[in-house]
Amino acid sequence: MVGKDYFTITEISEICMIESDFVRELIGFGIIEVHKQENFEYVNPETIDVLKMAKRLYFDLGVNKEGIDIILSMRHQILDLQEEVEGLHNKVDQLTNEQKYRNLEMIIDQGLLFDI
């Protein structure tokens, strides 16, 4: 499960310049997911972005850990919705192009398009 791409809590704390205790508190709140293997705790590298956001919210903006959890959850939902909207736009474009092609075929089949 845990490979070389994962960091220990100490490593991730040093990378993000955050105290290990703060990282452990975020883990306790469920904001950061930890993987345990052989008495060691590891975190995914994607956690770096989450930790940097949590650090800014907590230390720079004074948001408590409950607020951080809500903000990051809402951010995740927004990103998911943006991805869904992009997919729907692509589907609409695809269907529009297919409909244009069908309309052109119908015009040709009915002899309404003349060669000039």
PDB file of N, CA and C in Angstrom:
ATOM      1  N   MET A   1       0.833  -1.194   0.000  1.00  0.00           N
ATOM      2  CA  MET A   1       0.000   0.000   0.000  1.00  0.00           C
ATOM      3  C   MET A   1       0.872   1.249   0.000  1.00  0.00           C
ATOM      4  N   VAL A   2       1.838   1.323   0.903  1.00  0.00           N
ATOM      5  CA  VAL A   2       2.669   2.506   1.020  1.00  0.00           C
ATOM      6  C   VAL A   2       3.959   2.276   0.270  1.00  0.00           C
ATOM      7  N   GLY A   3       4.229   3.132  -0.684  1.00  0.00           N
ATOM      8  CA  GLY A   3       5.432   3.000  -1.490  1.00  0.00           C
ATOM      9  C   GLY A   3       6.360   4.173  -1.275  1.00  0.00           C
ATOM     10  N   LYS A   4       7.330   4.261  -2.136  1.00  0.00           N
ATOM     11  CA  LYS A   4       8.325   5.324  -2.015  1.00  0.00           C
ATOM     12  C   LYS A   4       7.744   6.704  -2.284  1.00  0.00           C
ATOM     13  N   ASP A   5       6.538   6.760  -2.820  1.00  0.00           N
ATOM     14  CA  ASP A   5       5.912   8.037  -3.127  1.00  0.00           C
ATOM     15  C   ASP A   5       5.240   8.668  -1.908  1.00  0.00           C
ATOM     16  N   TYR A   6       5.215   7.972  -0.802  1.00  0.00           N
ATOM     17  CA  TYR A   6       4.581   8.485   0.401  1.00  0.00           C
ATOM     18  C   TYR A   6       5.628   9.096   1.323  1.00  0.00           C
ATOM     19  N   PHE A   7       5.180  10.015   2.167  1.00  0.00           N
ATOM     20  CA  PHE A   7       6.065  10.686   3.112  1.00  0.00           C
ATOM     21  C   PHE A   7       5.670  10.346   4.539  1.00  0.00           C
ATOM     22  N   THR A   8       6.641  10.324   5.416  1.00  0.00           N
ATOM     23  CA  THR A   8       6.321  10.217   6.838  1.00  0.00           C
ATOM     24  C   THR A   8       5.787  11.566   7.295  1.00  0.00           C
ATOM     25  N   ILE A   9       5.188  11.591   8.461  1.00  0.00           N
ATOM     26  CA  ILE A   9       4.657  12.845   8.985  1.00  0.00           C
ATOM     27  C   ILE A   9       5.794  13.843   9.206  1.00  0.00           C
ATOM     28  N   THR A  10       6.925  13.362   9.666  1.00  0.00           N
ATOM     29  CA  THR A  10       8.083  14.245   9.863  1.00  0.00           C
ATOM     30  C   THR A  10       8.543  14.843   8.543  1.00  0.00           C
ATOM     31  N   GLU A  11       8.621  14.012   7.503  1.00  0.00           N
ATOM     32  CA  GLU A  11       9.060  14.507   6.190  1.00  0.00           C
ATOM     33  C   GLU A  11       8.091  15.548   5.639  1.00  0.00           C
ATOM     34  N   ILE A  12       6.802  15.249   5.710  1.00  0.00           N
ATOM     35  CA  ILE A  12       5.804  16.177   5.160  1.00  0.00           C
ATOM     36  C   ILE A  12       5.770  17.470   5.965  1.00  0.00           C
ATOM     37  N   SER A  13       6.021  17.366   7.264  1.00  0.00           N
ATOM     38  CA  SER A  13       6.075  18.561   8.110  1.00  0.00           C
ATOM     39  C   SER A  13       7.230  19.454   7.698  1.00  0.00           C
ATOM     40  N   GLU A  14       8.372  18.847   7.428  1.00  0.00           N
ATOM     41  CA  GLU A  14       9.545  19.621   7.004  1.00  0.00           C
ATOM     42  C   GLU A  14       9.325  20.243   5.631  1.00  0.00           C
ATOM     43  N   ILE A  15       8.731  19.488   4.713  1.00  0.00           N
ATOM     44  CA  ILE A  15       8.470  19.999   3.360  1.00  0.00           C
ATOM     45  C   ILE A  15       7.556  21.223   3.419  1.00  0.00           C
ATOM     46  N   CYS A  16       6.520  21.143   4.237  1.00  0.00           N
ATOM     47  CA  CYS A  16       5.527  22.222   4.322  1.00  0.00           C
ATOM     48  C   CYS A  16       5.869  23.271   5.386  1.00  0.00           C
ATOM     49  N   MET A  17       6.963  23.031   6.104  1.00  0.00           N
ATOM     50  CA  MET A  17       7.376  23.938   7.179  1.00  0.00           C
ATOM     51  C   MET A  17       6.254  24.128   8.195  1.00  0.00           C
ATOM     52  N   ILE A  18       5.744  22.995   8.676  1.00  0.00           N
ATOM     53  CA  ILE A  18       4.666  22.957   9.653  1.00  0.00           C
ATOM     54  C   ILE A  18       5.107  22.021  10.776  1.00  0.00           C
ATOM     55  N   GLU A  19       4.705  22.324  11.994  1.00  0.00           N
ATOM     56  CA  GLU A  19       4.997  21.444  13.122  1.00  0.00           C
ATOM     57  C   GLU A  19       4.280  20.106  12.937  1.00  0.00           C
ATOM     58  N   SER A  20       4.946  19.041  13.325  1.00  0.00           N
ATOM     59  CA  SER A  20       4.346  17.700  13.228  1.00  0.00           C
ATOM     60  C   SER A  20       3.055  17.611  14.030  1.00  0.00           C
ATOM     61  N   ASP A  21       2.997  18.319  15.169  1.00  0.00           N
ATOM     62  CA  ASP A  21       1.791  18.295  15.998  1.00  0.00           C
ATOM     63  C   ASP A  21       0.583  18.847  15.240  1.00  0.00           C
ATOM     64  N   PHE A  22       0.807  19.896  14.452  1.00  0.00           N
ATOM     65  CA  PHE A  22      -0.284  20.468  13.662  1.00  0.00           C
ATOM     66  C   PHE A  22      -0.776  19.450  12.634  1.00  0.00           C
ATOM     67  N   VAL A  23       0.148  18.746  11.991  1.00  0.00           N
ATOM     68  CA  VAL A  23      -0.217  17.711  11.020  1.00  0.00           C
ATOM     69  C   VAL A  23      -1.021  16.621  11.720  1.00  0.00           C
ATOM     70  N   ARG A  24      -0.582  16.206  12.903  1.00  0.00           N
ATOM     71  CA  ARG A  24      -1.302  15.164  13.646  1.00  0.00           C
ATOM     72  C   ARG A  24      -2.709  15.628  14.050  1.00  0.00           C
ATOM     73  N   GLU A  25      -2.841  16.912  14.392  1.00  0.00           N
ATOM     74  CA  GLU A  25      -4.168  17.444  14.710  1.00  0.00           C
ATOM     75  C   GLU A  25      -5.078  17.388  13.487  1.00  0.00           C
ATOM     76  N   LEU A  26      -4.534  17.724  12.323  1.00  0.00           N
ATOM     77  CA  LEU A  26      -5.322  17.652  11.094  1.00  0.00           C
ATOM     78  C   LEU A  26      -5.717  16.217  10.783  1.00  0.00           C
ATOM     79  N   ILE A  27      -4.826  15.287  11.084  1.00  0.00           N
ATOM     80  CA  ILE A  27      -5.147  13.866  10.910  1.00  0.00           C
ATOM     81  C   ILE A  27      -6.274  13.487  11.853  1.00  0.00           C
ATOM     82  N   GLY A  28      -6.198  13.965  13.094  1.00  0.00           N
ATOM     83  CA  GLY A  28      -7.249  13.682  14.084  1.00  0.00           C
ATOM     84  C   GLY A  28      -8.607  14.215  13.667  1.00  0.00           C
ATOM     85  N   PHE A  29      -8.619  15.333  12.958  1.00  0.00           N
ATOM     86  CA  PHE A  29      -9.870  15.916  12.481  1.00  0.00           C
ATOM     87  C   PHE A  29     -10.350  15.253  11.189  1.00  0.00           C
ATOM     88  N   GLY A  30      -9.535  14.378  10.613  1.00  0.00           N
ATOM     89  CA  GLY A  30      -9.915  13.723   9.363  1.00  0.00           C
ATOM     90  C   GLY A  30      -9.635  14.576   8.142  1.00  0.00           C
ATOM     91  N   ILE A  31      -8.909  15.675   8.319  1.00  0.00           N
ATOM     92  CA  ILE A  31      -8.595  16.561   7.201  1.00  0.00           C
ATOM     93  C   ILE A  31      -7.503  15.932   6.341  1.00  0.00           C
ATOM     94  N   ILE A  32      -6.574  15.256   6.987  1.00  0.00           N
ATOM     95  CA  ILE A  32      -5.477  14.569   6.311  1.00  0.00           C
ATOM     96  C   ILE A  32      -5.651  13.072   6.526  1.00  0.00           C
ATOM     97  N   GLU A  33      -5.511  12.315   5.448  1.00  0.00           N
ATOM     98  CA  GLU A  33      -5.623  10.860   5.537  1.00  0.00           C
ATOM     99  C   GLU A  33      -4.229  10.274   5.743  1.00  0.00           C
ATOM    100  N   VAL A  34      -4.136   9.350   6.667  1.00  0.00           N
ATOM    101  CA  VAL A  34      -2.854   8.727   6.977  1.00  0.00           C
ATOM    102  C   VAL A  34      -2.942   7.233   6.673  1.00  0.00           C
ATOM    103  N   HIS A  35      -1.837   6.690   6.199  1.00  0.00           N
ATOM    104  CA  HIS A  35      -1.739   5.260   5.933  1.00  0.00           C
ATOM    105  C   HIS A  35      -0.738   4.680   6.920  1.00  0.00           C
ATOM    106  N   LYS A  36      -1.125   3.596   7.584  1.00  0.00           N
ATOM    107  CA  LYS A  36      -0.238   2.992   8.578  1.00  0.00           C
ATOM    108  C   LYS A  36       0.344   1.704   8.020  1.00  0.00           C
ATOM    109  N   GLN A  37       1.647   1.561   8.249  1.00  0.00           N
ATOM    110  CA  GLN A  37       2.326   0.342   7.836  1.00  0.00           C
ATOM    111  C   GLN A  37       3.520   0.130   8.758  1.00  0.00           C
ATOM    112  N   GLU A  38       3.561  -1.028   9.372  1.00  0.00           N
ATOM    113  CA  GLU A  38       4.674  -1.407  10.245  1.00  0.00           C
ATOM    114  C   GLU A  38       4.989  -0.323  11.274  1.00  0.00           C
ATOM    115  N   ASN A  39       3.990   0.099  12.016  1.00  0.00           N
ATOM    116  CA  ASN A  39       4.130   1.092  13.082  1.00  0.00           C
ATOM    117  C   ASN A  39       4.560   2.477  12.596  1.00  0.00           C
ATOM    118  N   PHE A  40       4.485   2.739  11.315  1.00  0.00           N
ATOM    119  CA  PHE A  40       4.794   4.060  10.773  1.00  0.00           C
ATOM    120  C   PHE A  40       3.546   4.623  10.110  1.00  0.00           C
ATOM    121  N   GLU A  41       3.432   5.939  10.146  1.00  0.00           N
ATOM    122  CA  GLU A  41       2.322   6.620   9.491  1.00  0.00           C
ATOM    123  C   GLU A  41       2.857   7.378   8.284  1.00  0.00           C
ATOM    124  N   TYR A  42       2.165   7.222   7.170  1.00  0.00           N
ATOM    125  CA  TYR A  42       2.573   7.854   5.921  1.00  0.00           C
ATOM    126  C   TYR A  42       1.420   8.662   5.358  1.00  0.00           C
ATOM    127  N   VAL A  43       1.782   9.697   4.615  1.00  0.00           N
ATOM    128  CA  VAL A  43       0.767  10.498   3.929  1.00  0.00           C
ATOM    129  C   VAL A  43       1.119  10.605   2.455  1.00  0.00           C
ATOM    130  N   ASN A  44       0.102  10.740   1.659  1.00  0.00           N
ATOM    131  CA  ASN A  44       0.217  10.863   0.215  1.00  0.00           C
ATOM    132  C   ASN A  44       0.834  12.213  -0.140  1.00  0.00           C
ATOM    133  N   PRO A  45       1.645  12.280  -1.189  1.00  0.00           N
ATOM    134  CA  PRO A  45       2.227  13.565  -1.603  1.00  0.00           C
ATOM    135  C   PRO A  45       1.186  14.633  -1.933  1.00  0.00           C
ATOM    136  N   GLU A  46      -0.009  14.224  -2.339  1.00  0.00           N
ATOM    137  CA  GLU A  46      -1.076  15.186  -2.632  1.00  0.00           C
ATOM    138  C   GLU A  46      -1.463  15.978  -1.382  1.00  0.00           C
ATOM    139  N   THR A  47      -1.070  15.454  -0.234  1.00  0.00           N
ATOM    140  CA  THR A  47      -1.353  16.107   1.033  1.00  0.00           C
ATOM    141  C   THR A  47      -0.629  17.443   1.154  1.00  0.00           C
ATOM    142  N   ILE A  48       0.453  17.610   0.408  1.00  0.00           N
ATOM    143  CA  ILE A  48       1.234  18.849   0.486  1.00  0.00           C
ATOM    144  C   ILE A  48       0.350  20.064   0.203  1.00  0.00           C
ATOM    145  N   ASP A  49      -0.451  20.004  -0.852  1.00  0.00           N
ATOM    146  CA  ASP A  49      -1.329  21.133  -1.187  1.00  0.00           C
ATOM    147  C   ASP A  49      -2.359  21.386  -0.088  1.00  0.00           C
ATOM    148  N   VAL A  50      -2.910  20.312   0.448  1.00  0.00           N
ATOM    149  CA  VAL A  50      -3.898  20.440   1.521  1.00  0.00           C
ATOM    150  C   VAL A  50      -3.254  21.068   2.751  1.00  0.00           C
ATOM    151  N   LEU A  51      -2.058  20.607   3.087  1.00  0.00           N
ATOM    152  CA  LEU A  51      -1.365  21.159   4.251  1.00  0.00           C
ATOM    153  C   LEU A  51      -1.034  22.639   4.073  1.00  0.00           C
ATOM    154  N   LYS A  52      -0.618  23.004   2.880  1.00  0.00           N
ATOM    155  CA  LYS A  52      -0.305  24.414   2.634  1.00  0.00           C
ATOM    156  C   LYS A  52      -1.555  25.283   2.765  1.00  0.00           C
ATOM    157  N   MET A  53      -2.688  24.788   2.270  1.00  0.00           N
ATOM    158  CA  MET A  53      -3.937  25.541   2.407  1.00  0.00           C
ATOM    159  C   MET A  53      -4.354  25.619   3.873  1.00  0.00           C
ATOM    160  N   ALA A  54      -4.254  24.486   4.570  1.00  0.00           N
ATOM    161  CA  ALA A  54      -4.629  24.459   5.985  1.00  0.00           C
ATOM    162  C   ALA A  54      -3.724  25.385   6.800  1.00  0.00           C
ATOM    163  N   LYS A  55      -2.458  25.391   6.492  1.00  0.00           N
ATOM    164  CA  LYS A  55      -1.498  26.266   7.177  1.00  0.00           C
ATOM    165  C   LYS A  55      -1.894  27.730   6.991  1.00  0.00           C
ATOM    166  N   ARG A  56      -2.209  28.100   5.755  1.00  0.00           N
ATOM    167  CA  ARG A  56      -2.597  29.489   5.484  1.00  0.00           C
ATOM    168  C   ARG A  56      -3.899  29.844   6.180  1.00  0.00           C
ATOM    169  N   LEU A  57      -4.874  28.965   6.108  1.00  0.00           N
ATOM    170  CA  LEU A  57      -6.159  29.233   6.750  1.00  0.00           C
ATOM    171  C   LEU A  57      -5.999  29.390   8.264  1.00  0.00           C
ATOM    172  N   TYR A  58      -5.215  28.517   8.861  1.00  0.00           N
ATOM    173  CA  TYR A  58      -5.092  28.497  10.323  1.00  0.00           C
ATOM    174  C   TYR A  58      -4.198  29.619  10.836  1.00  0.00           C
ATOM    175  N   PHE A  59      -3.006  29.720  10.294  1.00  0.00           N
ATOM    176  CA  PHE A  59      -2.030  30.657  10.836  1.00  0.00           C
ATOM    177  C   PHE A  59      -2.180  32.079  10.287  1.00  0.00           C
ATOM    178  N   ASP A  60      -2.537  32.213   9.031  1.00  0.00           N
ATOM    179  CA  ASP A  60      -2.636  33.549   8.431  1.00  0.00           C
ATOM    180  C   ASP A  60      -4.029  34.161   8.590  1.00  0.00           C
ATOM    181  N   LEU A  61      -5.053  33.316   8.493  1.00  0.00           N
ATOM    182  CA  LEU A  61      -6.423  33.840   8.499  1.00  0.00           C
ATOM    183  C   LEU A  61      -7.181  33.560   9.791  1.00  0.00           C
ATOM    184  N   GLY A  62      -6.606  32.746  10.675  1.00  0.00           N
ATOM    185  CA  GLY A  62      -7.235  32.490  11.970  1.00  0.00           C
ATOM    186  C   GLY A  62      -8.439  31.567  11.932  1.00  0.00           C
ATOM    187  N   VAL A  63      -8.533  30.741  10.906  1.00  0.00           N
ATOM    188  CA  VAL A  63      -9.648  29.797  10.800  1.00  0.00           C
ATOM    189  C   VAL A  63      -9.359  28.594  11.696  1.00  0.00           C
ATOM    190  N   ASN A  64     -10.345  28.180  12.507  1.00  0.00           N
ATOM    191  CA  ASN A  64     -10.128  27.019  13.376  1.00  0.00           C
ATOM    192  C   ASN A  64     -10.178  25.729  12.553  1.00  0.00           C
ATOM    193  N   LYS A  65      -9.824  24.625  13.177  1.00  0.00           N
ATOM    194  CA  LYS A  65      -9.704  23.351  12.450  1.00  0.00           C
ATOM    195  C   LYS A  65     -11.046  22.865  11.901  1.00  0.00           C
ATOM    196  N   GLU A  66     -12.116  23.140  12.627  1.00  0.00           N
ATOM    197  CA  GLU A  66     -13.441  22.776  12.116  1.00  0.00           C
ATOM    198  C   GLU A  66     -13.739  23.563  10.842  1.00  0.00           C
ATOM    199  N   GLY A  67     -13.381  24.844  10.852  1.00  0.00           N
ATOM    200  CA  GLY A  67     -13.582  25.692   9.676  1.00  0.00           C
ATOM    201  C   GLY A  67     -12.724  25.234   8.508  1.00  0.00           C
ATOM    202  N   ILE A  68     -11.491  24.843   8.810  1.00  0.00           N
ATOM    203  CA  ILE A  68     -10.603  24.322   7.766  1.00  0.00           C
ATOM    204  C   ILE A  68     -11.227  23.102   7.113  1.00  0.00           C
ATOM    205  N   ASP A  69     -11.767  22.212   7.936  1.00  0.00           N
ATOM    206  CA  ASP A  69     -12.396  20.996   7.418  1.00  0.00           C
ATOM    207  C   ASP A  69     -13.546  21.350   6.477  1.00  0.00           C
ATOM    208  N   ILE A  70     -14.375  22.297   6.879  1.00  0.00           N
ATOM    209  CA  ILE A  70     -15.515  22.703   6.053  1.00  0.00           C
ATOM    210  C   ILE A  70     -15.039  23.369   4.761  1.00  0.00           C
ATOM    211  N   ILE A  71     -14.084  24.272   4.867  1.00  0.00           N
ATOM    212  CA  ILE A  71     -13.586  24.986   3.688  1.00  0.00           C
ATOM    213  C   ILE A  71     -12.970  24.026   2.686  1.00  0.00           C
ATOM    214  N   LEU A  72     -12.140  23.120   3.165  1.00  0.00           N
ATOM    215  CA  LEU A  72     -11.487  22.170   2.255  1.00  0.00           C
ATOM    216  C   LEU A  72     -12.496  21.203   1.642  1.00  0.00           C
ATOM    217  N   SER A  73     -13.501  20.827   2.416  1.00  0.00           N
ATOM    218  CA  SER A  73     -14.559  19.962   1.881  1.00  0.00           C
ATOM    219  C   SER A  73     -15.343  20.682   0.784  1.00  0.00           C
ATOM    220  N   MET A  74     -15.673  21.938   1.034  1.00  0.00           N
ATOM    221  CA  MET A  74     -16.400  22.720   0.025  1.00  0.00           C
ATOM    222  C   MET A  74     -15.534  22.937  -1.208  1.00  0.00           C
ATOM    223  N   ARG A  75     -14.246  23.167  -1.019  1.00  0.00           N
ATOM    224  CA  ARG A  75     -13.327  23.339  -2.151  1.00  0.00           C
ATOM    225  C   ARG A  75     -13.318  22.079  -3.006  1.00  0.00           C
ATOM    226  N   HIS A  76     -13.276  20.923  -2.344  1.00  0.00           N
ATOM    227  CA  HIS A  76     -13.286  19.651  -3.064  1.00  0.00           C
ATOM    228  C   HIS A  76     -14.585  19.507  -3.866  1.00  0.00           C
ATOM    229  N   GLN A  77     -15.708  19.871  -3.248  1.00  0.00           N
ATOM    230  CA  GLN A  77     -16.990  19.798  -3.947  1.00  0.00           C
ATOM    231  C   GLN A  77     -17.026  20.743  -5.142  1.00  0.00           C
ATOM    232  N   ILE A  78     -16.483  21.932  -4.979  1.00  0.00           N
ATOM    233  CA  ILE A  78     -16.452  22.905  -6.078  1.00  0.00           C
ATOM    234  C   ILE A  78     -15.618  22.371  -7.240  1.00  0.00           C
ATOM    235  N   LEU A  79     -14.448  21.806  -6.926  1.00  0.00           N
ATOM    236  CA  LEU A  79     -13.594  21.245  -7.975  1.00  0.00           C
ATOM    237  C   LEU A  79     -14.290  20.098  -8.701  1.00  0.00           C
ATOM    238  N   ASP A  80     -15.004  19.251  -7.942  1.00  0.00           N
ATOM    239  CA  ASP A  80     -15.761  18.159  -8.562  1.00  0.00           C
ATOM    240  C   ASP A  80     -16.853  18.701  -9.485  1.00  0.00           C
ATOM    241  N   LEU A  81     -17.555  19.735  -9.022  1.00  0.00           N
ATOM    242  CA  LEU A  81     -18.617  20.328  -9.833  1.00  0.00           C
ATOM    243  C   LEU A  81     -18.061  20.991 -11.086  1.00  0.00           C
ATOM    244  N   GLN A  82     -16.914  21.665 -10.963  1.00  0.00           N
ATOM    245  CA  GLN A  82     -16.297  22.278 -12.131  1.00  0.00           C
ATOM    246  C   GLN A  82     -15.923  21.218 -13.160  1.00  0.00           C
ATOM    247  N   GLU A  83     -15.409  20.098 -12.685  1.00  0.00           N
ATOM    248  CA  GLU A  83     -15.056  18.996 -13.585  1.00  0.00           C
ATOM    249  C   GLU A  83     -16.309  18.443 -14.263  1.00  0.00           C
ATOM    250  N   GLU A  84     -17.383  18.324 -13.499  1.00  0.00           N
ATOM    251  CA  GLU A  84     -18.638  17.824 -14.057  1.00  0.00           C
ATOM    252  C   GLU A  84     -19.195  18.789 -15.104  1.00  0.00           C
ATOM    253  N   VAL A  85     -19.152  20.084 -14.818  1.00  0.00           N
ATOM    254  CA  VAL A  85     -19.638  21.094 -15.770  1.00  0.00           C
ATOM    255  C   VAL A  85     -18.808  21.044 -17.043  1.00  0.00           C
ATOM    256  N   GLU A  86     -17.499  20.921 -16.914  1.00  0.00           N
ATOM    257  CA  GLU A  86     -16.638  20.823 -18.095  1.00  0.00           C
ATOM    258  C   GLU A  86     -17.002  19.602 -18.937  1.00  0.00           C
ATOM    259  N   GLY A  87     -17.254  18.481 -18.261  1.00  0.00           N
ATOM    260  CA  GLY A  87     -17.670  17.279 -18.976  1.00  0.00           C
ATOM    261  C   GLY A  87     -18.998  17.469 -19.690  1.00  0.00           C
ATOM    262  N   LEU A  88     -19.931  18.161 -19.047  1.00  0.00           N
ATOM    263  CA  LEU A  88     -21.229  18.423 -19.674  1.00  0.00           C
ATOM    264  C   LEU A  88     -21.087  19.358 -20.866  1.00  0.00           C
ATOM    265  N   HIS A  89     -20.225  20.362 -20.742  1.00  0.00           N
ATOM    266  CA  HIS A  89     -19.971  21.254 -21.885  1.00  0.00           C
ATOM    267  C   HIS A  89     -19.413  20.459 -23.063  1.00  0.00           C
ATOM    268  N   ASN A  90     -18.480  19.570 -22.781  1.00  0.00           N
ATOM    269  CA  ASN A  90     -17.909  18.740 -23.843  1.00  0.00           C
ATOM    270  C   ASN A  90     -18.974  17.858 -24.486  1.00  0.00           C
ATOM    271  N   LYS A  91     -19.865  17.304 -23.674  1.00  0.00           N
ATOM    272  CA  LYS A  91     -20.939  16.455 -24.197  1.00  0.00           C
ATOM    273  C   LYS A  91     -21.894  17.265 -25.067  1.00  0.00           C
ATOM    274  N   VAL A  92     -22.236  18.474 -24.623  1.00  0.00           N
ATOM    275  CA  VAL A  92     -23.117  19.346 -25.415  1.00  0.00           C
ATOM    276  C   VAL A  92     -22.460  19.683 -26.749  1.00  0.00           C
ATOM    277  N   ASP A  93     -21.164  20.005 -26.723  1.00  0.00           N
ATOM    278  CA  ASP A  93     -20.446  20.305 -27.968  1.00  0.00           C
ATOM    279  C   ASP A  93     -20.462  19.104 -28.900  1.00  0.00           C
ATOM    280  N   GLN A  94     -20.236  17.918 -28.335  1.00  0.00           N
ATOM    281  CA  GLN A  94     -20.232  16.704 -29.135  1.00  0.00           C
ATOM    282  C   GLN A  94     -21.614  16.461 -29.760  1.00  0.00           C
ATOM    283  N   LEU A  95     -22.661  16.591 -28.963  1.00  0.00           N
ATOM    284  CA  LEU A  95     -24.016  16.370 -29.472  1.00  0.00           C
ATOM    285  C   LEU A  95     -24.399  17.427 -30.509  1.00  0.00           C
ATOM    286  N   THR A  96     -23.976  18.655 -30.302  1.00  0.00           N
ATOM    287  CA  THR A  96     -24.256  19.722 -31.267  1.00  0.00           C
ATOM    288  C   THR A  96     -23.601  19.414 -32.605  1.00  0.00           C
ATOM    289  N   ASN A  97     -22.342  18.994 -32.561  1.00  0.00           N
ATOM    290  CA  ASN A  97     -21.637  18.645 -33.798  1.00  0.00           C
ATOM    291  C   ASN A  97     -22.278  17.445 -34.490  1.00  0.00           C
ATOM    292  N   GLU A  98     -22.710  16.449 -33.710  1.00  0.00           N
ATOM    293  CA  GLU A  98     -23.384  15.286 -34.291  1.00  0.00           C
ATOM    294  C   GLU A  98     -24.694  15.698 -34.951  1.00  0.00           C
ATOM    295  N   GLN A  99     -25.429  16.616 -34.316  1.00  0.00           N
ATOM    296  CA  GLN A  99     -26.703  17.069 -34.870  1.00  0.00           C
ATOM    297  C   GLN A  99     -26.468  17.852 -36.164  1.00  0.00           C
ATOM    298  N   LYS A 100     -25.446  18.679 -36.210  1.00  0.00           N
ATOM    299  CA  LYS A 100     -25.115  19.417 -37.435  1.00  0.00           C
ATOM    300  C   LYS A 100     -24.807  18.444 -38.570  1.00  0.00           C
ATOM    301  N   TYR A 101     -24.056  17.380 -38.252  1.00  0.00           N
ATOM    302  CA  TYR A 101     -23.711  16.381 -39.258  1.00  0.00           C
ATOM    303  C   TYR A 101     -24.964  15.663 -39.757  1.00  0.00           C
ATOM    304  N   ARG A 102     -25.865  15.311 -38.828  1.00  0.00           N
ATOM    305  CA  ARG A 102     -27.117  14.651 -39.232  1.00  0.00           C
ATOM    306  C   ARG A 102     -27.970  15.586 -40.093  1.00  0.00           C
ATOM    307  N   ASN A 103     -28.022  16.852 -39.730  1.00  0.00           N
ATOM    308  CA  ASN A 103     -28.781  17.828 -40.520  1.00  0.00           C
ATOM    309  C   ASN A 103     -28.205  17.941 -41.929  1.00  0.00           C
ATOM    310  N   LEU A 104     -26.890  17.977 -42.044  1.00  0.00           N
ATOM    311  CA  LEU A 104     -26.248  18.052 -43.350  1.00  0.00           C
ATOM    312  C   LEU A 104     -26.546  16.797 -44.169  1.00  0.00           C
ATOM    313  N   GLU A 105     -26.503  15.626 -43.528  1.00  0.00           N
ATOM    314  CA  GLU A 105     -26.825  14.377 -44.233  1.00  0.00           C
ATOM    315  C   GLU A 105     -28.259  14.400 -44.748  1.00  0.00           C
ATOM    316  N   MET A 106     -29.174  14.919 -43.920  1.00  0.00           N
ATOM    317  CA  MET A 106     -30.579  14.979 -44.305  1.00  0.00           C
ATOM    318  C   MET A 106     -30.752  15.921 -45.506  1.00  0.00           C
ATOM    319  N   ILE A 107     -30.072  17.033 -45.498  1.00  0.00           N
ATOM    320  CA  ILE A 107     -30.158  17.989 -46.609  1.00  0.00           C
ATOM    321  C   ILE A 107     -29.633  17.349 -47.888  1.00  0.00           C
ATOM    322  N   ILE A 108     -28.527  16.633 -47.793  1.00  0.00           N
ATOM    323  CA  ILE A 108     -27.949  15.966 -48.962  1.00  0.00           C
ATOM    324  C   ILE A 108     -28.883  14.867 -49.451  1.00  0.00           C
ATOM    325  N   ASP A 109     -29.428  14.066 -48.533  1.00  0.00           N
ATOM    326  CA  ASP A 109     -30.326  12.970 -48.904  1.00  0.00           C
ATOM    327  C   ASP A 109     -31.591  13.481 -49.605  1.00  0.00           C
ATOM    328  N   GLN A 110     -32.070  14.617 -49.199  1.00  0.00           N
ATOM    329  CA  GLN A 110     -33.292  15.176 -49.779  1.00  0.00           C
ATOM    330  C   GLN A 110     -33.017  15.978 -51.050  1.00  0.00           C
ATOM    331  N   GLY A 111     -31.753  16.036 -51.437  1.00  0.00           N
ATOM    332  CA  GLY A 111     -31.401  16.758 -52.664  1.00  0.00           C
ATOM    333  C   GLY A 111     -31.529  18.254 -52.542  1.00  0.00           C
ATOM    334  N   LEU A 112     -31.488  18.758 -51.330  1.00  0.00           N
ATOM    335  CA  LEU A 112     -31.645  20.204 -51.136  1.00  0.00           C
ATOM    336  C   LEU A 112     -30.310  20.950 -51.262  1.00  0.00           C
ATOM    337  N   LEU A 113     -29.234  20.222 -51.351  1.00  0.00           N
ATOM    338  CA  LEU A 113     -27.913  20.847 -51.463  1.00  0.00           C
ATOM    339  C   LEU A 113     -27.439  20.639 -52.894  1.00  0.00           C
ATOM    340  N   PHE A 114     -27.181  21.695 -53.568  1.00  0.00           N
ATOM    341  CA  PHE A 114     -26.765  21.615 -54.959  1.00  0.00           C
ATOM    342  C   PHE A 114     -25.284  21.925 -55.071  1.00  0.00           C
ATOM    343  N   ASP A 115     -24.662  21.295 -56.039  1.00  0.00           N
ATOM    344  CA  ASP A 115     -23.274  21.576 -56.345  1.00  0.00           C
ATOM    345  C   ASP A 115     -23.224  22.842 -57.188  1.00  0.00           C
ATOM    346  N   ILE A 116     -22.452  23.786 -56.802  1.00  0.00           N
ATOM    347  CA  ILE A 116     -22.385  25.052 -57.531  1.00  0.00           C
ATOM    348  C   ILE A 116     -21.175  25.066 -58.427  1.00  0.00           C
TER     349      ILE A 116
END
